PDB file of N, CA and C in Angstrom:
ATOM      1  N   MET A   1     163.058 143.941 -38.658  1.00  0.00           N
ATOM      2  CA  MET A   1     161.563 143.952 -38.592  1.00  0.00           C
ATOM      3  C   MET A   1     160.828 143.591 -39.929  1.00  0.00           C
ATOM      4  N   ARG A   2     159.902 142.767 -39.898  1.00  0.00           N
ATOM      5  CA  ARG A   2     159.227 142.523 -41.212  1.00  0.00           C
ATOM      6  C   ARG A   2     158.116 143.649 -41.527  1.00  0.00           C
ATOM      7  N   ILE A   3     158.039 143.999 -42.886  1.00  0.00           N
ATOM      8  CA  ILE A   3     157.307 145.021 -43.180  1.00  0.00           C
ATOM      9  C   ILE A   3     155.973 144.567 -43.731  1.00  0.00           C
ATOM     10  N   ALA A   4     154.726 145.041 -43.028  1.00  0.00           N
ATOM     11  CA  ALA A   4     153.420 144.611 -43.496  1.00  0.00           C
ATOM     12  C   ALA A   4     152.813 145.516 -44.729  1.00  0.00           C
ATOM     13  N   ASN A   5     153.055 146.832 -44.495  1.00  0.00           N
ATOM     14  CA  ASN A   5     152.679 147.703 -45.658  1.00  0.00           C
ATOM     15  C   ASN A   5     153.615 148.767 -45.872  1.00  0.00           C
ATOM     16  N   GLN A   6     153.874 149.239 -47.133  1.00  0.00           N
ATOM     17  CA  GLN A   6     154.842 150.291 -47.501  1.00  0.00           C
ATOM     18  C   GLN A   6     154.117 151.125 -48.491  1.00  0.00           C
ATOM     19  N   LYS A   7     154.347 152.480 -48.621  1.00  0.00           N
ATOM     20  CA  LYS A   7     153.859 153.390 -49.539  1.00  0.00           C
ATOM     21  C   LYS A   7     154.742 154.518 -49.765  1.00  0.00           C
ATOM     22  N   ASN A   8     155.160 154.729 -50.894  1.00  0.00           N
ATOM     23  CA  ASN A   8     155.868 156.025 -51.336  1.00  0.00           C
ATOM     24  C   ASN A   8     154.966 157.049 -51.802  1.00  0.00           C
ATOM     25  N   ILE A   9     155.218 158.312 -51.318  1.00  0.00           N
ATOM     26  CA  ILE A   9     154.418 159.387 -51.798  1.00  0.00           C
ATOM     27  C   ILE A   9     155.432 160.576 -52.336  1.00  0.00           C
ATOM     28  N   THR A  10     155.307 160.943 -53.479  1.00  0.00           N
ATOM     29  CA  THR A  10     156.094 162.068 -53.884  1.00  0.00           C
ATOM     30  C   THR A  10     155.292 163.362 -53.872  1.00  0.00           C
ATOM     31  N   ILE A  11     155.750 164.407 -53.417  1.00  0.00           N
ATOM     32  CA  ILE A  11     155.097 165.777 -53.327  1.00  0.00           C
ATOM     33  C   ILE A  11     155.956 166.590 -54.106  1.00  0.00           C
ATOM     34  N   GLY A  12     155.317 167.075 -55.319  1.00  0.00           N
ATOM     35  CA  GLY A  12     155.934 168.062 -56.167  1.00  0.00           C
ATOM     36  C   GLY A  12     155.213 169.321 -56.137  1.00  0.00           C
ATOM     37  N   ARG A  13     156.037 170.362 -56.096  1.00  0.00           N
ATOM     38  CA  ARG A  13     155.406 171.616 -55.960  1.00  0.00           C
ATOM     39  C   ARG A  13     156.016 172.769 -56.755  1.00  0.00           C
ATOM     40  N   ASP A  14     155.239 173.466 -57.602  1.00  0.00           N
ATOM     41  CA  ASP A  14     155.852 174.716 -58.350  1.00  0.00           C
ATOM     42  C   ASP A  14     155.577 175.780 -57.283  1.00  0.00           C
ATOM     43  N   LEU A  15     156.783 176.361 -56.850  1.00  0.00           N
ATOM     44  CA  LEU A  15     156.757 177.306 -55.748  1.00  0.00           C
ATOM     45  C   LEU A  15     156.358 178.737 -56.216  1.00  0.00           C
ATOM     46  N   SER A  16     156.048 178.930 -57.394  1.00  0.00           N
ATOM     47  CA  SER A  16     155.507 180.158 -57.890  1.00  0.00           C
ATOM     48  C   SER A  16     154.068 180.332 -57.638  1.00  0.00           C
ATOM     49  N   LEU A  17     153.327 179.050 -57.375  1.00  0.00           N
ATOM     50  CA  LEU A  17     151.928 179.077 -57.149  1.00  0.00           C
ATOM     51  C   LEU A  17     151.508 179.687 -55.883  1.00  0.00           C
ATOM     52  N   THR A  18     152.100 179.115 -54.663  1.00  0.00           N
ATOM     53  CA  THR A  18     151.815 179.798 -53.418  1.00  0.00           C
ATOM     54  C   THR A  18     153.166 179.843 -52.707  1.00  0.00           C
ATOM     55  N   PRO A  19     153.865 180.804 -52.828  1.00  0.00           N
ATOM     56  CA  PRO A  19     155.248 180.986 -52.227  1.00  0.00           C
ATOM     57  C   PRO A  19     155.090 180.830 -50.744  1.00  0.00           C
ATOM     58  N   GLY A  20     155.990 180.027 -50.122  1.00  0.00           N
ATOM     59  CA  GLY A  20     156.120 179.837 -48.602  1.00  0.00           C
ATOM     60  C   GLY A  20     155.262 178.810 -48.057  1.00  0.00           C
ATOM     61  N   THR A  21     154.176 178.514 -48.606  1.00  0.00           N
ATOM     62  CA  THR A  21     153.324 177.413 -48.047  1.00  0.00           C
ATOM     63  C   THR A  21     152.410 176.724 -49.061  1.00  0.00           C
ATOM     64  N   PHE A  22     152.227 175.441 -48.722  1.00  0.00           N
ATOM     65  CA  PHE A  22     151.347 174.630 -49.587  1.00  0.00           C
ATOM     66  C   PHE A  22     150.761 173.549 -48.889  1.00  0.00           C
ATOM     67  N   VAL A  23     149.725 172.818 -49.343  1.00  0.00           N
ATOM     68  CA  VAL A  23     149.107 171.807 -48.667  1.00  0.00           C
ATOM     69  C   VAL A  23     149.054 170.500 -49.728  1.00  0.00           C
ATOM     70  N   LYS A  24     149.165 169.290 -49.026  1.00  0.00           N
ATOM     71  CA  LYS A  24     149.021 167.948 -49.956  1.00  0.00           C
ATOM     72  C   LYS A  24     148.194 167.101 -49.001  1.00  0.00           C
ATOM     73  N   LYS A  25     147.155 166.532 -49.648  1.00  0.00           N
ATOM     74  CA  LYS A  25     146.534 165.482 -49.175  1.00  0.00           C
ATOM     75  C   LYS A  25     147.171 164.159 -48.902  1.00  0.00           C
ATOM     76  N   MET A  26     147.399 163.563 -47.855  1.00  0.00           N
ATOM     77  CA  MET A  26     148.154 162.522 -47.523  1.00  0.00           C
ATOM     78  C   MET A  26     147.240 161.239 -47.327  1.00  0.00           C
ATOM     79  N   MET A  27     147.098 160.399 -48.261  1.00  0.00           N
ATOM     80  CA  MET A  27     146.052 159.376 -48.296  1.00  0.00           C
ATOM     81  C   MET A  27     146.926 157.987 -48.139  1.00  0.00           C
ATOM     82  N   LEU A  28     146.419 157.250 -47.119  1.00  0.00           N
ATOM     83  CA  LEU A  28     147.155 156.073 -46.743  1.00  0.00           C
ATOM     84  C   LEU A  28     145.997 155.030 -46.469  1.00  0.00           C
ATOM     85  N   THR A  29     146.108 153.862 -46.761  1.00  0.00           N
ATOM     86  CA  THR A  29     145.228 152.734 -46.374  1.00  0.00           C
ATOM     87  C   THR A  29     145.549 151.979 -45.091  1.00  0.00           C
ATOM     88  N   PHE A  30     146.697 152.372 -44.421  1.00  0.00           N
ATOM     89  CA  PHE A  30     147.080 151.682 -43.391  1.00  0.00           C
ATOM     90  C   PHE A  30     147.769 152.859 -42.453  1.00  0.00           C
ATOM     91  N   LYS A  31     147.861 152.398 -41.107  1.00  0.00           N
ATOM     92  CA  LYS A  31     148.442 153.270 -40.174  1.00  0.00           C
ATOM     93  C   LYS A  31     149.854 153.012 -40.053  1.00  0.00           C
ATOM     94  N   PRO A  32     150.888 153.804 -40.533  1.00  0.00           N
ATOM     95  CA  PRO A  32     152.230 153.553 -40.468  1.00  0.00           C
ATOM     96  C   PRO A  32     152.916 153.703 -39.121  1.00  0.00           C
ATOM     97  N   ASP A  33     153.981 153.033 -39.003  1.00  0.00           N
ATOM     98  CA  ASP A  33     154.798 153.125 -37.876  1.00  0.00           C
ATOM     99  C   ASP A  33     156.003 154.099 -37.940  1.00  0.00           C
ATOM    100  N   GLN A  34     156.373 154.311 -39.346  1.00  0.00           N
ATOM    101  CA  GLN A  34     157.553 155.174 -39.523  1.00  0.00           C
ATOM    102  C   GLN A  34     157.369 155.887 -40.813  1.00  0.00           C
ATOM    103  N   MET A  35     157.985 157.032 -40.840  1.00  0.00           N
ATOM    104  CA  MET A  35     157.882 157.882 -42.117  1.00  0.00           C
ATOM    105  C   MET A  35     159.366 158.301 -42.249  1.00  0.00           C
ATOM    106  N   VAL A  36     159.697 157.958 -43.464  1.00  0.00           N
ATOM    107  CA  VAL A  36     161.049 158.238 -43.918  1.00  0.00           C
ATOM    108  C   VAL A  36     161.268 159.264 -45.078  1.00  0.00           C
ATOM    109  N   VAL A  37     162.148 160.359 -44.867  1.00  0.00           N
ATOM    110  CA  VAL A  37     162.189 161.356 -45.876  1.00  0.00           C
ATOM    111  C   VAL A  37     163.473 160.800 -46.580  1.00  0.00           C
ATOM    112  N   LYS A  38     163.037 160.170 -47.912  1.00  0.00           N
ATOM    113  CA  LYS A  38     163.799 159.511 -48.728  1.00  0.00           C
ATOM    114  C   LYS A  38     164.743 160.513 -49.637  1.00  0.00           C
ATOM    115  N   ALA A  39     164.192 161.457 -50.150  1.00  0.00           N
ATOM    116  CA  ALA A  39     164.849 162.385 -50.967  1.00  0.00           C
ATOM    117  C   ALA A  39     164.151 163.783 -51.002  1.00  0.00           C
ATOM    118  N   VAL A  40     165.000 164.799 -51.327  1.00  0.00           N
ATOM    119  CA  VAL A  40     164.555 166.194 -51.346  1.00  0.00           C
ATOM    120  C   VAL A  40     165.286 166.803 -52.563  1.00  0.00           C
ATOM    121  N   THR A  41     164.480 167.427 -53.506  1.00  0.00           N
ATOM    122  CA  THR A  41     165.282 168.266 -54.504  1.00  0.00           C
ATOM    123  C   THR A  41     164.666 169.599 -54.573  1.00  0.00           C
ATOM    124  N   TYR A  42     165.417 170.514 -55.082  1.00  0.00           N
ATOM    125  CA  TYR A  42     164.867 171.970 -55.309  1.00  0.00           C
ATOM    126  C   TYR A  42     165.848 172.497 -56.299  1.00  0.00           C
ATOM    127  N   THR A  43     165.202 173.063 -57.367  1.00  0.00           N
ATOM    128  CA  THR A  43     165.960 173.806 -58.328  1.00  0.00           C
ATOM    129  C   THR A  43     165.117 174.983 -58.917  1.00  0.00           C
ATOM    130  N   SER A  44     165.761 176.081 -59.215  1.00  0.00           N
ATOM    131  CA  SER A  44     165.063 177.142 -59.829  1.00  0.00           C
ATOM    132  C   SER A  44     165.508 177.324 -61.376  1.00  0.00           C
ATOM    133  N   ALA A  45     166.127 176.103 -61.876  1.00  0.00           N
ATOM    134  CA  ALA A  45     166.576 175.953 -63.179  1.00  0.00           C
ATOM    135  C   ALA A  45     165.556 176.417 -64.335  1.00  0.00           C
ATOM    136  N   ALA A  46     164.247 176.337 -63.990  1.00  0.00           N
ATOM    137  CA  ALA A  46     163.170 176.685 -64.918  1.00  0.00           C
ATOM    138  C   ALA A  46     163.453 178.202 -65.306  1.00  0.00           C
ATOM    139  N   ASN A  47     163.949 178.924 -64.344  1.00  0.00           N
ATOM    140  CA  ASN A  47     164.068 180.379 -64.626  1.00  0.00           C
ATOM    141  C   ASN A  47     165.346 180.755 -63.865  1.00  0.00           C
ATOM    142  N   PRO A  48     166.588 180.497 -64.641  1.00  0.00           N
ATOM    143  CA  PRO A  48     167.837 180.825 -64.088  1.00  0.00           C
ATOM    144  C   PRO A  48     168.205 182.352 -63.886  1.00  0.00           C
ATOM    145  N   THR A  49     167.413 183.144 -64.287  1.00  0.00           N
ATOM    146  CA  THR A  49     167.690 184.579 -64.055  1.00  0.00           C
ATOM    147  C   THR A  49     167.240 184.813 -62.706  1.00  0.00           C
ATOM    148  N   LEU A  50     166.308 184.085 -62.092  1.00  0.00           N
ATOM    149  CA  LEU A  50     165.818 184.263 -60.682  1.00  0.00           C
ATOM    150  C   LEU A  50     166.597 183.224 -59.620  1.00  0.00           C
ATOM    151  N   LYS A  51     167.729 182.982 -59.918  1.00  0.00           N
ATOM    152  CA  LYS A  51     168.365 181.921 -58.929  1.00  0.00           C
ATOM    153  C   LYS A  51     168.427 182.458 -57.634  1.00  0.00           C
ATOM    154  N   LEU A  52     168.147 181.591 -56.596  1.00  0.00           N
ATOM    155  CA  LEU A  52     168.053 182.131 -55.125  1.00  0.00           C
ATOM    156  C   LEU A  52     169.232 181.811 -54.385  1.00  0.00           C
ATOM    157  N   ASP A  53     169.650 182.805 -53.476  1.00  0.00           N
ATOM    158  CA  ASP A  53     170.677 182.432 -52.541  1.00  0.00           C
ATOM    159  C   ASP A  53     170.049 182.132 -51.393  1.00  0.00           C
ATOM    160  N   GLY A  54     170.929 181.337 -50.532  1.00  0.00           N
ATOM    161  CA  GLY A  54     170.575 181.028 -49.161  1.00  0.00           C
ATOM    162  C   GLY A  54     169.880 179.733 -49.157  1.00  0.00           C
ATOM    163  N   SER A  55     169.304 179.403 -47.972  1.00  0.00           N
ATOM    164  CA  SER A  55     168.455 178.147 -47.779  1.00  0.00           C
ATOM    165  C   SER A  55     167.234 178.382 -46.816  1.00  0.00           C
ATOM    166  N   VAL A  56     166.344 177.504 -46.962  1.00  0.00           N
ATOM    167  CA  VAL A  56     165.176 177.441 -45.991  1.00  0.00           C
ATOM    168  C   VAL A  56     165.004 176.137 -45.510  1.00  0.00           C
ATOM    169  N   LEU A  57     164.302 175.918 -44.380  1.00  0.00           N
ATOM    170  CA  LEU A  57     163.778 174.727 -43.873  1.00  0.00           C
ATOM    171  C   LEU A  57     162.412 174.408 -44.495  1.00  0.00           C
ATOM    172  N   VAL A  58     162.236 173.101 -44.759  1.00  0.00           N
ATOM    173  CA  VAL A  58     160.820 172.610 -45.035  1.00  0.00           C
ATOM    174  C   VAL A  58     160.242 172.024 -43.913  1.00  0.00           C
ATOM    175  N   HIS A  59     159.332 172.649 -43.381  1.00  0.00           N
ATOM    176  CA  HIS A  59     158.583 172.348 -42.196  1.00  0.00           C
ATOM    177  C   HIS A  59     157.224 171.865 -42.413  1.00  0.00           C
ATOM    178  N   CYS A  60     156.685 170.713 -41.841  1.00  0.00           N
ATOM    179  CA  CYS A  60     155.402 170.244 -41.839  1.00  0.00           C
ATOM    180  C   CYS A  60     154.742 170.611 -40.598  1.00  0.00           C
ATOM    181  N   SER A  61     153.862 171.636 -40.610  1.00  0.00           N
ATOM    182  CA  SER A  61     153.291 171.985 -39.361  1.00  0.00           C
ATOM    183  C   SER A  61     152.134 170.990 -38.881  1.00  0.00           C
ATOM    184  N   THR A  62     151.661 170.151 -39.936  1.00  0.00           N
ATOM    185  CA  THR A  62     150.703 169.111 -39.391  1.00  0.00           C
ATOM    186  C   THR A  62     151.274 168.163 -38.467  1.00  0.00           C
ATOM    187  N   ILE A  63     152.487 167.764 -38.602  1.00  0.00           N
ATOM    188  CA  ILE A  63     153.123 166.811 -37.787  1.00  0.00           C
ATOM    189  C   ILE A  63     154.324 167.572 -36.923  1.00  0.00           C
ATOM    190  N   ASN A  64     154.401 168.806 -37.145  1.00  0.00           N
ATOM    191  CA  ASN A  64     155.270 169.517 -36.262  1.00  0.00           C
ATOM    192  C   ASN A  64     156.857 169.063 -36.406  1.00  0.00           C
ATOM    193  N   GLU A  65     157.149 168.872 -37.790  1.00  0.00           N
ATOM    194  CA  GLU A  65     158.604 168.371 -37.967  1.00  0.00           C
ATOM    195  C   GLU A  65     159.231 169.089 -39.063  1.00  0.00           C
ATOM    196  N   ASP A  66     160.654 169.413 -38.977  1.00  0.00           N
ATOM    197  CA  ASP A  66     161.485 169.914 -39.933  1.00  0.00           C
ATOM    198  C   ASP A  66     161.868 168.755 -40.831  1.00  0.00           C
ATOM    199  N   LEU A  67     161.523 168.673 -42.087  1.00  0.00           N
ATOM    200  CA  LEU A  67     161.851 167.503 -42.995  1.00  0.00           C
ATOM    201  C   LEU A  67     163.206 167.669 -43.800  1.00  0.00           C
ATOM    202  N   ALA A  68     163.539 168.936 -44.117  1.00  0.00           N
ATOM    203  CA  ALA A  68     164.759 168.975 -44.879  1.00  0.00           C
ATOM    204  C   ALA A  68     165.181 170.507 -44.891  1.00  0.00           C
ATOM    205  N   SER A  69     166.346 170.776 -45.119  1.00  0.00           N
ATOM    206  CA  SER A  69     166.877 172.251 -45.603  1.00  0.00           C
ATOM    207  C   SER A  69     167.055 172.176 -47.021  1.00  0.00           C
ATOM    208  N   ILE A  70     166.622 173.156 -47.886  1.00  0.00           N
ATOM    209  CA  ILE A  70     166.802 173.093 -49.239  1.00  0.00           C
ATOM    210  C   ILE A  70     167.565 174.504 -49.721  1.00  0.00           C
ATOM    211  N   TRP A  71     168.180 174.282 -50.648  1.00  0.00           N
ATOM    212  CA  TRP A  71     168.848 175.458 -51.559  1.00  0.00           C
ATOM    213  C   TRP A  71     169.081 175.066 -52.946  1.00  0.00           C
ATOM    214  N   ASP A  72     169.329 176.057 -53.671  1.00  0.00           N
ATOM    215  CA  ASP A  72     169.154 175.996 -55.261  1.00  0.00           C
ATOM    216  C   ASP A  72     170.146 174.846 -55.627  1.00  0.00           C
ATOM    217  N   GLY A  73     169.566 174.025 -56.643  1.00  0.00           N
ATOM    218  CA  GLY A  73     170.376 172.990 -57.244  1.00  0.00           C
ATOM    219  C   GLY A  73     170.767 171.732 -56.421  1.00  0.00           C
ATOM    220  N   ILE A  74     170.233 171.552 -55.410  1.00  0.00           N
ATOM    221  CA  ILE A  74     170.558 170.494 -54.509  1.00  0.00           C
ATOM    222  C   ILE A  74     169.553 169.427 -54.572  1.00  0.00           C
ATOM    223  N   ALA A  75     169.993 168.245 -54.649  1.00  0.00           N
ATOM    224  CA  ALA A  75     169.305 166.944 -54.476  1.00  0.00           C
ATOM    225  C   ALA A  75     169.957 166.058 -53.390  1.00  0.00           C
ATOM    226  N   TYR A  76     169.309 165.590 -52.456  1.00  0.00           N
ATOM    227  CA  TYR A  76     169.967 164.688 -51.430  1.00  0.00           C
ATOM    228  C   TYR A  76     168.897 163.719 -50.934  1.00  0.00           C
ATOM    229  N   ASN A  77     169.509 162.757 -50.257  1.00  0.00           N
ATOM    230  CA  ASN A  77     168.851 161.592 -49.732  1.00  0.00           C
ATOM    231  C   ASN A  77     169.055 161.630 -48.219  1.00  0.00           C
ATOM    232  N   PRO A  78     168.282 162.292 -47.366  1.00  0.00           N
ATOM    233  CA  PRO A  78     168.650 162.353 -46.038  1.00  0.00           C
ATOM    234  C   PRO A  78     168.285 161.056 -45.301  1.00  0.00           C
ATOM    235  N   ASN A  79     167.286 160.228 -45.675  1.00  0.00           N
ATOM    236  CA  ASN A  79     166.799 159.114 -45.050  1.00  0.00           C
ATOM    237  C   ASN A  79     166.592 159.321 -43.503  1.00  0.00           C
ATOM    238  N   LEU A  80     165.892 160.543 -43.196  1.00  0.00           N
ATOM    239  CA  LEU A  80     165.535 160.777 -41.779  1.00  0.00           C
ATOM    240  C   LEU A  80     164.282 160.063 -41.570  1.00  0.00           C
ATOM    241  N   ILE A  81     164.318 159.301 -40.355  1.00  0.00           N
ATOM    242  CA  ILE A  81     163.334 158.507 -39.992  1.00  0.00           C
ATOM    243  C   ILE A  81     162.511 159.154 -38.858  1.00  0.00           C
ATOM    244  N   PHE A  82     161.053 159.213 -38.980  1.00  0.00           N
ATOM    245  CA  PHE A  82     160.225 159.880 -37.898  1.00  0.00           C
ATOM    246  C   PHE A  82     159.222 158.737 -37.436  1.00  0.00           C
ATOM    247  N   ASN A  83     159.007 158.733 -36.216  1.00  0.00           N
ATOM    248  CA  ASN A  83     157.920 157.733 -35.616  1.00  0.00           C
ATOM    249  C   ASN A  83     156.755 158.447 -36.163  1.00  0.00           C
ATOM    250  N   ALA A  84     155.898 157.639 -36.901  1.00  0.00           N
ATOM    251  CA  ALA A  84     154.636 158.134 -37.543  1.00  0.00           C
ATOM    252  C   ALA A  84     153.369 157.560 -36.847  1.00  0.00           C
ATOM    253  N   LYS A  85     153.501 157.040 -35.679  1.00  0.00           N
ATOM    254  CA  LYS A  85     152.324 156.270 -34.989  1.00  0.00           C
ATOM    255  C   LYS A  85     151.283 157.333 -34.673  1.00  0.00           C
ATOM    256  N   ASN A  86     151.553 158.592 -34.292  1.00  0.00           N
ATOM    257  CA  ASN A  86     150.671 159.552 -33.906  1.00  0.00           C
ATOM    258  C   ASN A  86     150.186 160.564 -35.038  1.00  0.00           C
ATOM    259  N   TYR A  87     150.632 160.332 -36.291  1.00  0.00           N
ATOM    260  CA  TYR A  87     150.314 161.176 -37.356  1.00  0.00           C
ATOM    261  C   TYR A  87     148.873 161.004 -37.766  1.00  0.00           C
ATOM    262  N   THR A  88     148.279 162.042 -38.472  1.00  0.00           N
ATOM    263  CA  THR A  88     147.003 161.947 -38.837  1.00  0.00           C
ATOM    264  C   THR A  88     147.113 161.922 -40.475  1.00  0.00           C
ATOM    265  N   PHE A  89     146.316 160.822 -40.968  1.00  0.00           N
ATOM    266  CA  PHE A  89     146.337 160.574 -42.407  1.00  0.00           C
ATOM    267  C   PHE A  89     144.968 160.806 -43.123  1.00  0.00           C
ATOM    268  N   ASN A  90     144.864 160.809 -44.317  1.00  0.00           N
ATOM    269  CA  ASN A  90     143.747 161.080 -45.009  1.00  0.00           C
ATOM    270  C   ASN A  90     143.180 162.353 -44.810  1.00  0.00           C
ATOM    271  N   THR A  91     144.027 163.304 -44.735  1.00  0.00           N
ATOM    272  CA  THR A  91     143.715 164.680 -44.454  1.00  0.00           C
ATOM    273  C   THR A  91     144.863 165.535 -45.117  1.00  0.00           C
ATOM    274  N   GLU A  92     144.654 166.861 -45.268  1.00  0.00           N
ATOM    275  CA  GLU A  92     145.655 167.655 -45.818  1.00  0.00           C
ATOM    276  C   GLU A  92     146.722 168.023 -44.742  1.00  0.00           C
ATOM    277  N   TRP A  93     148.164 167.855 -45.320  1.00  0.00           N
ATOM    278  CA  TRP A  93     149.182 168.305 -44.485  1.00  0.00           C
ATOM    279  C   TRP A  93     149.711 169.646 -45.003  1.00  0.00           C
ATOM    280  N   THR A  94     150.017 170.462 -44.144  1.00  0.00           N
ATOM    281  CA  THR A  94     150.545 171.835 -44.478  1.00  0.00           C
ATOM    282  C   THR A  94     151.994 171.846 -44.528  1.00  0.00           C
ATOM    283  N   PHE A  95     152.750 172.216 -45.476  1.00  0.00           N
ATOM    284  CA  PHE A  95     154.125 172.356 -45.605  1.00  0.00           C
ATOM    285  C   PHE A  95     154.514 173.841 -45.657  1.00  0.00           C
ATOM    286  N   LYS A  96     155.558 174.251 -45.008  1.00  0.00           N
ATOM    287  CA  LYS A  96     156.001 175.648 -44.970  1.00  0.00           C
ATOM    288  C   LYS A  96     157.440 175.780 -45.280  1.00  0.00           C
ATOM    289  N   LEU A  97     157.847 176.810 -45.895  1.00  0.00           N
ATOM    290  CA  LEU A  97     159.227 177.113 -46.156  1.00  0.00           C
ATOM    291  C   LEU A  97     159.554 178.224 -45.186  1.00  0.00           C
ATOM    292  N   VAL A  98     160.365 177.868 -44.107  1.00  0.00           N
ATOM    293  CA  VAL A  98     160.660 178.815 -43.017  1.00  0.00           C
ATOM    294  C   VAL A  98     162.195 179.126 -43.020  1.00  0.00           C
ATOM    295  N   ASP A  99     162.370 180.462 -42.534  1.00  0.00           N
ATOM    296  CA  ASP A  99     163.675 180.908 -42.378  1.00  0.00           C
ATOM    297  C   ASP A  99     164.313 180.485 -40.939  1.00  0.00           C
ATOM    298  N   SER A 100     165.415 181.029 -40.536  1.00  0.00           N
ATOM    299  CA  SER A 100     166.057 180.503 -39.438  1.00  0.00           C
ATOM    300  C   SER A 100     165.311 181.122 -38.096  1.00  0.00           C
ATOM    301  N   THR A 101     164.402 181.950 -38.201  1.00  0.00           N
ATOM    302  CA  THR A 101     163.639 182.425 -37.167  1.00  0.00           C
ATOM    303  C   THR A 101     162.350 181.779 -37.013  1.00  0.00           C
ATOM    304  N   GLY A 102     162.094 180.976 -38.009  1.00  0.00           N
ATOM    305  CA  GLY A 102     160.804 180.130 -37.925  1.00  0.00           C
ATOM    306  C   GLY A 102     159.680 180.757 -38.688  1.00  0.00           C
ATOM    307  N   LEU A 103     159.882 181.908 -39.295  1.00  0.00           N
ATOM    308  CA  LEU A 103     158.877 182.658 -40.178  1.00  0.00           C
ATOM    309  C   LEU A 103     158.845 182.131 -41.655  1.00  0.00           C
ATOM    310  N   ILE A 104     157.747 182.122 -42.046  1.00  0.00           N
ATOM    311  CA  ILE A 104     157.491 181.739 -43.445  1.00  0.00           C
ATOM    312  C   ILE A 104     158.284 182.614 -44.513  1.00  0.00           C
ATOM    313  N   ASP A 105     159.057 181.980 -45.267  1.00  0.00           N
ATOM    314  CA  ASP A 105     160.043 182.717 -46.238  1.00  0.00           C
ATOM    315  C   ASP A 105     159.363 182.710 -47.714  1.00  0.00           C
ATOM    316  N   THR A 106     158.869 183.680 -48.159  1.00  0.00           N
ATOM    317  CA  THR A 106     158.207 183.820 -49.450  1.00  0.00           C
ATOM    318  C   THR A 106     159.253 184.061 -50.525  1.00  0.00           C
ATOM    319  N   SER A 107     160.537 184.300 -50.218  1.00  0.00           N
ATOM    320  CA  SER A 107     161.557 184.688 -51.219  1.00  0.00           C
ATOM    321  C   SER A 107     161.748 183.411 -52.140  1.00  0.00           C
ATOM    322  N   PHE A 108     161.506 182.228 -51.693  1.00  0.00           N
ATOM    323  CA  PHE A 108     161.563 180.860 -52.518  1.00  0.00           C
ATOM    324  C   PHE A 108     160.227 180.943 -53.222  1.00  0.00           C
ATOM    325  N   ASN A 109     160.158 181.815 -54.256  1.00  0.00           N
ATOM    326  CA  ASN A 109     158.890 181.913 -54.930  1.00  0.00           C
ATOM    327  C   ASN A 109     159.224 181.521 -56.524  1.00  0.00           C
ATOM    328  N   VAL A 110     160.218 180.769 -56.770  1.00  0.00           N
ATOM    329  CA  VAL A 110     160.419 180.290 -58.095  1.00  0.00           C
ATOM    330  C   VAL A 110     160.985 178.953 -57.960  1.00  0.00           C
ATOM    331  N   GLY A 111     160.771 178.065 -59.042  1.00  0.00           N
ATOM    332  CA  GLY A 111     161.456 176.739 -59.143  1.00  0.00           C
ATOM    333  C   GLY A 111     160.441 175.689 -58.621  1.00  0.00           C
ATOM    334  N   GLU A 112     161.140 174.549 -58.435  1.00  0.00           N
ATOM    335  CA  GLU A 112     160.266 173.321 -58.178  1.00  0.00           C
ATOM    336  C   GLU A 112     160.900 172.585 -57.089  1.00  0.00           C
ATOM    337  N   LEU A 113     160.059 172.134 -56.174  1.00  0.00           N
ATOM    338  CA  LEU A 113     160.381 171.390 -54.964  1.00  0.00           C
ATOM    339  C   LEU A 113     159.845 170.005 -55.046  1.00  0.00           C
ATOM    340  N   PHE A 114     160.593 168.971 -54.778  1.00  0.00           N
ATOM    341  CA  PHE A 114     160.049 167.642 -54.715  1.00  0.00           C
ATOM    342  C   PHE A 114     160.631 166.877 -53.356  1.00  0.00           C
ATOM    343  N   ILE A 115     159.543 166.287 -52.689  1.00  0.00           N
ATOM    344  CA  ILE A 115     159.876 165.605 -51.350  1.00  0.00           C
ATOM    345  C   ILE A 115     159.478 164.116 -51.629  1.00  0.00           C
ATOM    346  N   HIS A 116     160.171 163.228 -51.464  1.00  0.00           N
ATOM    347  CA  HIS A 116     159.911 161.826 -51.580  1.00  0.00           C
ATOM    348  C   HIS A 116     159.859 161.189 -50.145  1.00  0.00           C
ATOM    349  N   LEU A 117     158.591 160.686 -49.751  1.00  0.00           N
ATOM    350  CA  LEU A 117     158.356 160.162 -48.437  1.00  0.00           C
ATOM    351  C   LEU A 117     157.961 158.705 -48.531  1.00  0.00           C
ATOM    352  N   GLU A 118     158.510 157.995 -47.646  1.00  0.00           N
ATOM    353  CA  GLU A 118     158.084 156.589 -47.432  1.00  0.00           C
ATOM    354  C   GLU A 118     157.507 156.305 -46.291  1.00  0.00           C
ATOM    355  N   PHE A 119     156.292 155.623 -46.171  1.00  0.00           N
ATOM    356  CA  PHE A 119     155.599 155.364 -45.067  1.00  0.00           C
ATOM    357  C   PHE A 119     155.585 153.709 -44.848  1.00  0.00           C
ATOM    358  N   ILE A 120     155.870 153.272 -43.557  1.00  0.00           N
ATOM    359  CA  ILE A 120     156.129 151.875 -43.309  1.00  0.00           C
ATOM    360  C   ILE A 120     155.280 151.494 -42.154  1.00  0.00           C
ATOM    361  N   GLN A 121     154.602 150.291 -42.279  1.00  0.00           N
ATOM    362  CA  GLN A 121     153.854 149.735 -41.155  1.00  0.00           C
ATOM    363  C   GLN A 121     154.655 148.251 -40.997  1.00  0.00           C
ATOM    364  N   PHE A 122     155.122 148.092 -39.784  1.00  0.00           N
ATOM    365  CA  PHE A 122     155.746 146.820 -39.506  1.00  0.00           C
ATOM    366  C   PHE A 122     154.706 145.700 -38.988  1.00  0.00           C
ATOM    367  N   ALA A 123     154.985 144.529 -39.561  1.00  0.00           N
ATOM    368  CA  ALA A 123     154.161 143.301 -39.054  1.00  0.00           C
ATOM    369  C   ALA A 123     154.477 142.978 -37.639  1.00  0.00           C
ATOM    370  N   ASP A 124     155.610 143.058 -37.131  1.00  0.00           N
ATOM    371  CA  ASP A 124     156.139 142.543 -35.763  1.00  0.00           C
ATOM    372  C   ASP A 124     156.077 143.875 -35.000  1.00  0.00           C
ATOM    373  N   LYS A 125     155.340 143.857 -34.072  1.00  0.00           N
ATOM    374  CA  LYS A 125     155.257 145.033 -33.212  1.00  0.00           C
ATOM    375  C   LYS A 125     155.610 144.619 -31.740  1.00  0.00           C
TER     376      LYS A 125
END
C-alpha cells in the first residue's frame, strides 16, 4: 500500500514525576489508518541504587490497548500494529503502568521511559 502521510511521535517520561500514570497530547494533521509501536525503552540507570525488579504493562486507556511490557534496562522494537481508524487525536492520551491484575503500579517511580510511535495514513483504501 502506498503511504499518503506518516508521522513519528516519541513520548519521553521521567517516571519520578507522576508514578504510574501520565498524559501526552497527540497532535496529528491527518487521520491515520495504523499506529505502530516502533520501540520502547526503560532504564533506571539515572539512579542505579533504586533498580526495579519485575515488569509492568504500558497501557493507553484512551485507545484501550496494551502497548508494551517494560522492565529495567530493556530496549526493544516490537513493531506492534494497531488499527488507528477510530482513535481520537489532537487530545490528551492517558498512559498507565499496570500490573498483572490491571491496577496502576506506582512502584516504577524512577527512571525514564520512551515510547516511539509511528502513525500511517494510506493513500489506497
